[in-house]
N, C-alpha and C. Protein backbone atom coordinates (compact mmCIF):
# COMPACT_ATOMS: atom_id res chain seq x y z
N MET A 1 -7.89 -33.84 -35.00
CA MET A 1 -7.85 -34.46 -33.88
C MET A 1 -6.66 -35.24 -33.89
N ILE A 2 -5.84 -35.16 -32.78
CA ILE A 2 -4.59 -35.68 -32.88
C ILE A 2 -4.26 -36.91 -31.84
N TYR A 3 -5.59 -37.33 -31.24
CA TYR A 3 -5.54 -38.60 -30.60
C TYR A 3 -6.49 -39.62 -31.25
N SER A 4 -6.30 -40.83 -30.94
CA SER A 4 -7.06 -41.84 -31.66
C SER A 4 -7.59 -42.99 -30.43
N LEU A 5 -8.65 -43.46 -30.41
CA LEU A 5 -9.38 -44.11 -29.60
C LEU A 5 -8.93 -45.63 -30.23
N ASP A 6 -8.40 -46.12 -31.19
CA ASP A 6 -8.36 -47.39 -31.70
C ASP A 6 -7.67 -48.25 -30.57
N LYS A 7 -6.58 -48.05 -30.02
CA LYS A 7 -5.97 -48.92 -29.01
C LYS A 7 -6.89 -49.12 -27.94
N ILE A 8 -7.52 -48.17 -27.50
CA ILE A 8 -8.41 -48.20 -26.28
C ILE A 8 -9.74 -49.02 -26.62
N ASN A 9 -10.33 -48.87 -27.91
CA ASN A 9 -11.50 -49.43 -28.46
C ASN A 9 -11.15 -51.21 -28.34
N GLU A 10 -9.97 -51.48 -29.00
CA GLU A 10 -9.48 -52.58 -29.27
C GLU A 10 -9.34 -53.50 -27.78
N MET A 11 -8.95 -52.85 -26.73
CA MET A 11 -8.73 -53.22 -25.52
C MET A 11 -10.30 -53.26 -24.82
N ALA A 12 -10.94 -52.27 -25.03
CA ALA A 12 -12.43 -52.30 -24.37
C ALA A 12 -13.41 -53.11 -24.86
N GLU A 13 -13.31 -53.87 -26.17
CA GLU A 13 -14.18 -54.63 -26.70
C GLU A 13 -15.68 -54.30 -26.54
N GLY A 14 -15.80 -53.08 -26.93
CA GLY A 14 -17.04 -52.40 -26.91
C GLY A 14 -17.61 -52.00 -25.63
N ASP A 15 -16.88 -51.94 -24.48
CA ASP A 15 -17.41 -51.71 -23.16
C ASP A 15 -16.89 -50.06 -23.09
N GLU A 16 -18.05 -49.28 -23.12
CA GLU A 16 -17.99 -47.97 -23.09
C GLU A 16 -17.41 -47.17 -21.77
N ASP A 17 -18.00 -47.83 -20.69
CA ASP A 17 -17.41 -47.53 -19.34
C ASP A 17 -15.99 -47.65 -19.20
N PHE A 18 -15.48 -48.79 -19.91
CA PHE A 18 -13.99 -48.74 -19.67
C PHE A 18 -13.13 -47.88 -20.45
N ILE A 19 -13.83 -47.40 -21.75
CA ILE A 19 -13.05 -46.17 -22.55
C ILE A 19 -13.21 -44.83 -21.62
N VAL A 20 -14.49 -44.47 -21.04
CA VAL A 20 -14.68 -43.58 -20.23
C VAL A 20 -13.59 -43.23 -19.17
N SER A 21 -13.48 -44.43 -18.31
CA SER A 21 -12.40 -44.71 -17.52
C SER A 21 -10.92 -44.43 -17.79
N VAL A 22 -10.51 -44.90 -19.01
CA VAL A 22 -9.36 -44.81 -19.16
C VAL A 22 -9.23 -43.28 -19.55
N VAL A 23 -10.20 -42.52 -20.39
CA VAL A 23 -10.27 -41.24 -20.68
C VAL A 23 -10.00 -40.45 -19.44
N SER A 24 -10.60 -40.74 -18.44
CA SER A 24 -10.74 -40.05 -17.13
C SER A 24 -9.44 -40.18 -16.49
N VAL A 25 -8.72 -41.12 -16.28
CA VAL A 25 -7.74 -41.53 -15.93
C VAL A 25 -6.65 -40.53 -16.56
N PHE A 26 -6.50 -40.61 -17.80
CA PHE A 26 -5.82 -39.57 -18.74
C PHE A 26 -5.71 -38.23 -18.05
N LEU A 27 -7.14 -37.57 -18.26
CA LEU A 27 -7.49 -36.27 -17.84
C LEU A 27 -7.09 -36.05 -16.39
N GLU A 28 -6.90 -37.02 -15.43
CA GLU A 28 -6.62 -36.92 -14.08
C GLU A 28 -5.08 -36.63 -14.02
N GLU A 29 -4.32 -37.66 -14.34
CA GLU A 29 -2.96 -38.08 -14.47
C GLU A 29 -2.16 -36.98 -15.16
N VAL A 30 -2.28 -37.06 -16.61
CA VAL A 30 -1.50 -36.61 -17.33
C VAL A 30 -1.13 -35.08 -17.18
N PRO A 31 -1.90 -34.26 -17.21
CA PRO A 31 -1.73 -32.72 -16.77
C PRO A 31 -0.92 -32.60 -15.69
N ALA A 32 -1.12 -33.37 -14.77
CA ALA A 32 -0.48 -33.19 -13.33
C ALA A 32 1.11 -33.51 -13.72
N ASP A 33 1.18 -34.82 -14.49
CA ASP A 33 2.38 -34.92 -14.77
C ASP A 33 3.21 -33.98 -15.67
N LEU A 34 2.42 -33.50 -16.70
CA LEU A 34 3.09 -32.54 -17.48
C LEU A 34 3.45 -31.53 -16.48
N LEU A 35 2.85 -30.80 -15.67
CA LEU A 35 3.17 -29.72 -14.86
C LEU A 35 4.35 -29.88 -13.98
N SER A 36 4.53 -31.34 -13.42
CA SER A 36 5.62 -31.81 -12.68
C SER A 36 7.04 -32.00 -13.78
N LEU A 37 6.74 -32.46 -14.98
CA LEU A 37 7.76 -32.43 -15.90
C LEU A 37 8.25 -31.19 -15.96
N GLU A 38 7.43 -30.07 -16.33
CA GLU A 38 7.75 -28.82 -16.50
C GLU A 38 8.77 -28.09 -15.26
N GLU A 39 8.19 -28.60 -14.27
CA GLU A 39 9.07 -28.12 -13.06
C GLU A 39 10.07 -28.67 -12.96
N ALA A 40 10.42 -30.07 -13.27
CA ALA A 40 11.63 -30.81 -13.40
C ALA A 40 12.73 -30.03 -14.24
N ILE A 41 12.09 -30.07 -15.41
CA ILE A 41 12.93 -29.30 -16.62
C ILE A 41 13.66 -28.04 -16.02
N ALA A 42 12.61 -27.19 -15.41
CA ALA A 42 13.13 -26.02 -14.86
C ALA A 42 14.13 -25.95 -13.80
N ASN A 43 14.07 -26.88 -13.00
CA ASN A 43 14.98 -27.24 -12.13
C ASN A 43 16.33 -27.94 -12.58
N LYS A 44 16.34 -28.39 -14.04
CA LYS A 44 17.27 -29.09 -14.59
C LYS A 44 17.51 -30.47 -13.85
N ASP A 45 16.43 -31.06 -13.24
CA ASP A 45 16.46 -32.33 -12.48
C ASP A 45 16.20 -33.49 -13.31
N TYR A 46 17.64 -33.91 -13.81
CA TYR A 46 17.51 -35.05 -14.79
C TYR A 46 16.57 -36.35 -14.54
N GLU A 47 17.04 -36.70 -13.18
CA GLU A 47 16.03 -38.06 -12.50
C GLU A 47 14.54 -37.76 -12.84
N GLN A 48 14.15 -36.81 -12.08
CA GLN A 48 12.53 -36.52 -12.06
C GLN A 48 12.02 -36.39 -13.67
N THR A 49 12.85 -35.48 -14.45
CA THR A 49 12.74 -35.46 -16.04
C THR A 49 12.55 -36.66 -16.83
N TYR A 50 13.41 -37.66 -16.35
CA TYR A 50 13.30 -39.05 -16.85
C TYR A 50 12.07 -39.72 -16.51
N LYS A 51 11.88 -39.70 -15.06
CA LYS A 51 10.96 -40.39 -14.54
C LYS A 51 9.38 -40.09 -15.07
N LEU A 52 9.41 -38.67 -15.19
CA LEU A 52 7.97 -38.24 -15.39
C LEU A 52 7.69 -38.42 -16.91
N ALA A 53 8.62 -38.28 -17.71
CA ALA A 53 8.53 -38.64 -19.46
C ALA A 53 8.19 -40.18 -19.59
N HIS A 54 8.92 -40.70 -18.76
CA HIS A 54 8.69 -42.32 -18.69
C HIS A 54 7.16 -42.56 -18.43
N LYS A 55 6.60 -41.84 -17.49
CA LYS A 55 5.36 -42.10 -17.00
C LYS A 55 4.31 -41.50 -17.91
N ILE A 56 4.56 -40.47 -18.66
CA ILE A 56 3.48 -39.73 -19.60
C ILE A 56 3.57 -40.69 -20.90
N LYS A 57 4.78 -41.19 -21.05
CA LYS A 57 4.81 -41.83 -22.62
C LYS A 57 3.64 -42.88 -22.73
N PRO A 58 3.41 -43.97 -21.90
CA PRO A 58 2.31 -44.97 -22.22
C PRO A 58 1.01 -44.33 -22.36
N ASN A 59 0.79 -43.21 -21.59
CA ASN A 59 -0.41 -42.70 -21.61
C ASN A 59 -0.76 -42.08 -22.99
N VAL A 60 0.12 -41.37 -23.54
CA VAL A 60 -0.04 -40.67 -24.68
C VAL A 60 -0.10 -41.95 -25.79
N ASP A 61 0.87 -42.82 -25.83
CA ASP A 61 0.69 -43.98 -26.62
C ASP A 61 -0.70 -44.67 -26.67
N LEU A 62 -1.43 -44.73 -25.56
CA LEU A 62 -2.53 -45.39 -25.63
C LEU A 62 -3.67 -44.55 -26.37
N LEU A 63 -3.51 -43.33 -26.35
CA LEU A 63 -4.26 -42.59 -27.23
C LEU A 63 -3.89 -42.41 -28.59
N GLY A 64 -2.70 -43.05 -29.15
CA GLY A 64 -2.39 -43.28 -30.56
C GLY A 64 -1.85 -41.75 -30.87
N MET A 65 -1.29 -41.19 -29.85
CA MET A 65 -0.47 -40.05 -30.36
C MET A 65 1.13 -40.22 -30.49
N GLU A 66 1.33 -40.57 -31.64
CA GLU A 66 2.83 -41.25 -31.99
C GLU A 66 3.69 -39.85 -31.77
N GLN A 67 3.45 -38.72 -32.26
CA GLN A 67 4.49 -37.78 -32.14
C GLN A 67 4.82 -37.27 -31.03
N THR A 68 3.67 -37.37 -30.12
CA THR A 68 3.93 -36.69 -28.61
C THR A 68 4.52 -37.86 -28.05
N ARG A 69 4.19 -39.16 -28.12
CA ARG A 69 5.00 -40.54 -27.67
C ARG A 69 6.47 -40.24 -27.86
N ALA A 70 6.81 -39.74 -29.28
CA ALA A 70 8.22 -39.81 -29.69
C ALA A 70 9.09 -38.65 -29.05
N ASN A 71 8.26 -37.59 -28.85
CA ASN A 71 8.85 -36.54 -27.90
C ASN A 71 9.02 -36.70 -26.52
N ALA A 72 7.86 -37.51 -25.95
CA ALA A 72 8.22 -38.02 -24.48
C ALA A 72 9.17 -38.91 -24.50
N LEU A 73 9.65 -39.94 -25.10
CA LEU A 73 10.71 -40.63 -25.57
C LEU A 73 11.69 -40.26 -25.50
N ALA A 74 12.14 -39.06 -26.18
CA ALA A 74 13.19 -38.35 -26.58
C ALA A 74 13.81 -37.43 -25.16
N ILE A 75 12.55 -37.13 -24.44
CA ILE A 75 12.77 -36.25 -23.20
C ILE A 75 13.42 -37.44 -22.16
N GLU A 76 12.67 -38.45 -22.43
CA GLU A 76 13.00 -39.71 -21.22
C GLU A 76 14.47 -40.11 -21.63
N THR A 77 14.70 -40.30 -22.63
CA THR A 77 15.98 -40.66 -23.09
C THR A 77 17.13 -39.63 -22.76
N LEU A 78 16.87 -38.39 -23.04
CA LEU A 78 18.08 -37.33 -22.64
C LEU A 78 17.89 -37.19 -21.14
N GLY A 79 16.82 -37.46 -20.33
CA GLY A 79 16.93 -37.29 -18.94
C GLY A 79 17.59 -38.53 -18.63
N LYS A 80 17.50 -39.69 -18.83
CA LYS A 80 18.28 -40.68 -18.34
C LYS A 80 19.65 -40.71 -18.58
N ALA A 81 20.20 -39.97 -19.82
CA ALA A 81 21.52 -39.88 -20.04
C ALA A 81 22.10 -38.71 -19.38
N GLU A 82 21.26 -37.93 -18.62
CA GLU A 82 21.72 -36.66 -18.06
C GLU A 82 22.51 -35.76 -19.12
N GLY A 83 21.82 -35.64 -20.23
CA GLY A 83 22.57 -34.73 -21.03
C GLY A 83 21.60 -34.02 -21.92
N GLY A 84 21.68 -32.75 -22.62
CA GLY A 84 21.09 -32.25 -23.45
C GLY A 84 19.87 -31.66 -22.90
N PHE A 85 19.96 -30.84 -22.03
CA PHE A 85 18.85 -30.11 -21.47
C PHE A 85 18.42 -28.90 -22.59
N ASP A 86 19.38 -28.59 -23.29
CA ASP A 86 18.93 -27.64 -24.48
C ASP A 86 17.89 -28.47 -25.27
N GLU A 87 18.21 -29.58 -25.61
CA GLU A 87 17.17 -30.31 -26.64
C GLU A 87 16.09 -30.61 -25.71
N ILE A 88 16.00 -30.83 -24.51
CA ILE A 88 14.98 -31.28 -23.75
C ILE A 88 14.18 -30.05 -23.68
N GLU A 89 14.67 -28.96 -23.48
CA GLU A 89 13.86 -27.61 -23.59
C GLU A 89 13.39 -27.22 -24.75
N THR A 90 13.59 -27.73 -25.91
CA THR A 90 13.28 -27.74 -27.28
C THR A 90 12.11 -28.38 -27.41
N LYS A 91 12.09 -29.52 -27.00
CA LYS A 91 11.16 -30.69 -27.18
C LYS A 91 10.10 -30.67 -26.34
N PHE A 92 10.23 -30.30 -25.08
CA PHE A 92 9.07 -29.98 -24.07
C PHE A 92 7.90 -29.32 -24.69
N PRO A 93 8.06 -27.96 -25.45
CA PRO A 93 7.04 -27.21 -25.73
C PRO A 93 5.94 -27.91 -26.68
N LEU A 94 6.71 -28.60 -27.48
CA LEU A 94 5.90 -29.55 -28.30
C LEU A 94 5.15 -30.67 -27.69
N LEU A 95 5.70 -31.18 -26.75
CA LEU A 95 4.95 -32.22 -25.91
C LEU A 95 3.73 -31.59 -25.21
N LYS A 96 4.02 -30.41 -24.50
CA LYS A 96 3.00 -29.74 -23.80
C LYS A 96 2.11 -29.29 -24.58
N LYS A 97 2.15 -28.63 -25.78
CA LYS A 97 1.09 -28.10 -26.65
C LYS A 97 0.25 -29.41 -27.19
N ASP A 98 0.82 -30.57 -27.69
CA ASP A 98 -0.02 -31.57 -27.87
C ASP A 98 -0.90 -32.02 -26.95
N ILE A 99 -0.30 -32.44 -25.65
CA ILE A 99 -1.05 -32.68 -24.47
C ILE A 99 -2.31 -31.72 -23.88
N GLU A 100 -2.07 -30.64 -24.15
CA GLU A 100 -2.67 -29.56 -23.68
C GLU A 100 -4.04 -29.45 -24.87
N GLN A 101 -3.79 -29.59 -25.92
CA GLN A 101 -4.90 -29.78 -26.85
C GLN A 101 -5.60 -31.00 -26.83
N VAL A 102 -5.00 -32.21 -26.60
CA VAL A 102 -5.76 -33.33 -26.38
C VAL A 102 -6.59 -33.51 -25.10
N VAL A 103 -6.09 -32.74 -24.21
CA VAL A 103 -6.74 -32.71 -23.11
C VAL A 103 -7.94 -31.77 -23.23
N ALA A 104 -7.91 -30.65 -23.95
CA ALA A 104 -9.24 -29.87 -24.20
C ALA A 104 -10.22 -30.70 -25.10
N GLU A 105 -9.49 -31.40 -26.14
CA GLU A 105 -10.43 -32.05 -26.82
C GLU A 105 -11.06 -33.47 -26.05
N LEU A 106 -10.44 -34.04 -25.36
CA LEU A 106 -11.18 -35.07 -24.58
C LEU A 106 -12.29 -34.48 -23.59
N HIS A 107 -11.96 -33.50 -23.10
CA HIS A 107 -13.09 -32.77 -22.34
C HIS A 107 -14.28 -32.56 -23.05
N LYS A 108 -14.03 -31.84 -24.45
CA LYS A 108 -15.18 -31.80 -25.10
C LYS A 108 -15.89 -32.84 -25.74
N ASP A 109 -15.31 -33.77 -26.19
CA ASP A 109 -15.89 -34.85 -26.83
C ASP A 109 -16.60 -35.77 -25.61
N PHE A 110 -15.87 -36.01 -24.60
CA PHE A 110 -16.61 -37.04 -23.50
C PHE A 110 -17.23 -36.13 -22.44
N GLN A 111 -17.39 -34.89 -22.54
CA GLN A 111 -18.13 -34.09 -21.52
C GLN A 111 -17.62 -34.35 -20.08
N LEU A 112 -16.30 -34.38 -20.22
CA LEU A 112 -15.81 -34.69 -18.61
C LEU A 112 -15.05 -33.58 -17.86
């Protein structure tokens, strides 16, 4: 398991509905953002790359996905600096793989 509910559990203070709500929002938003990020990278659109990586970062952070957050931060920084698309293209597959794995695990773990 590459995600952790520790941060969400701390915020939820035992509220299971809150946890399910946060997970549902993640499952709804992050895959769509990831697809848009992939398109932005393919189009070498620095601004969209920056914005989408910035949007994904807190979502993966909330699920304790430290390595994924680090990759999102690196992509965000490179997009903002408008440099290093080779490095962005190297980091993106790692980000995508982790997010797709977590999405599958969350669907299974929460039957959503």
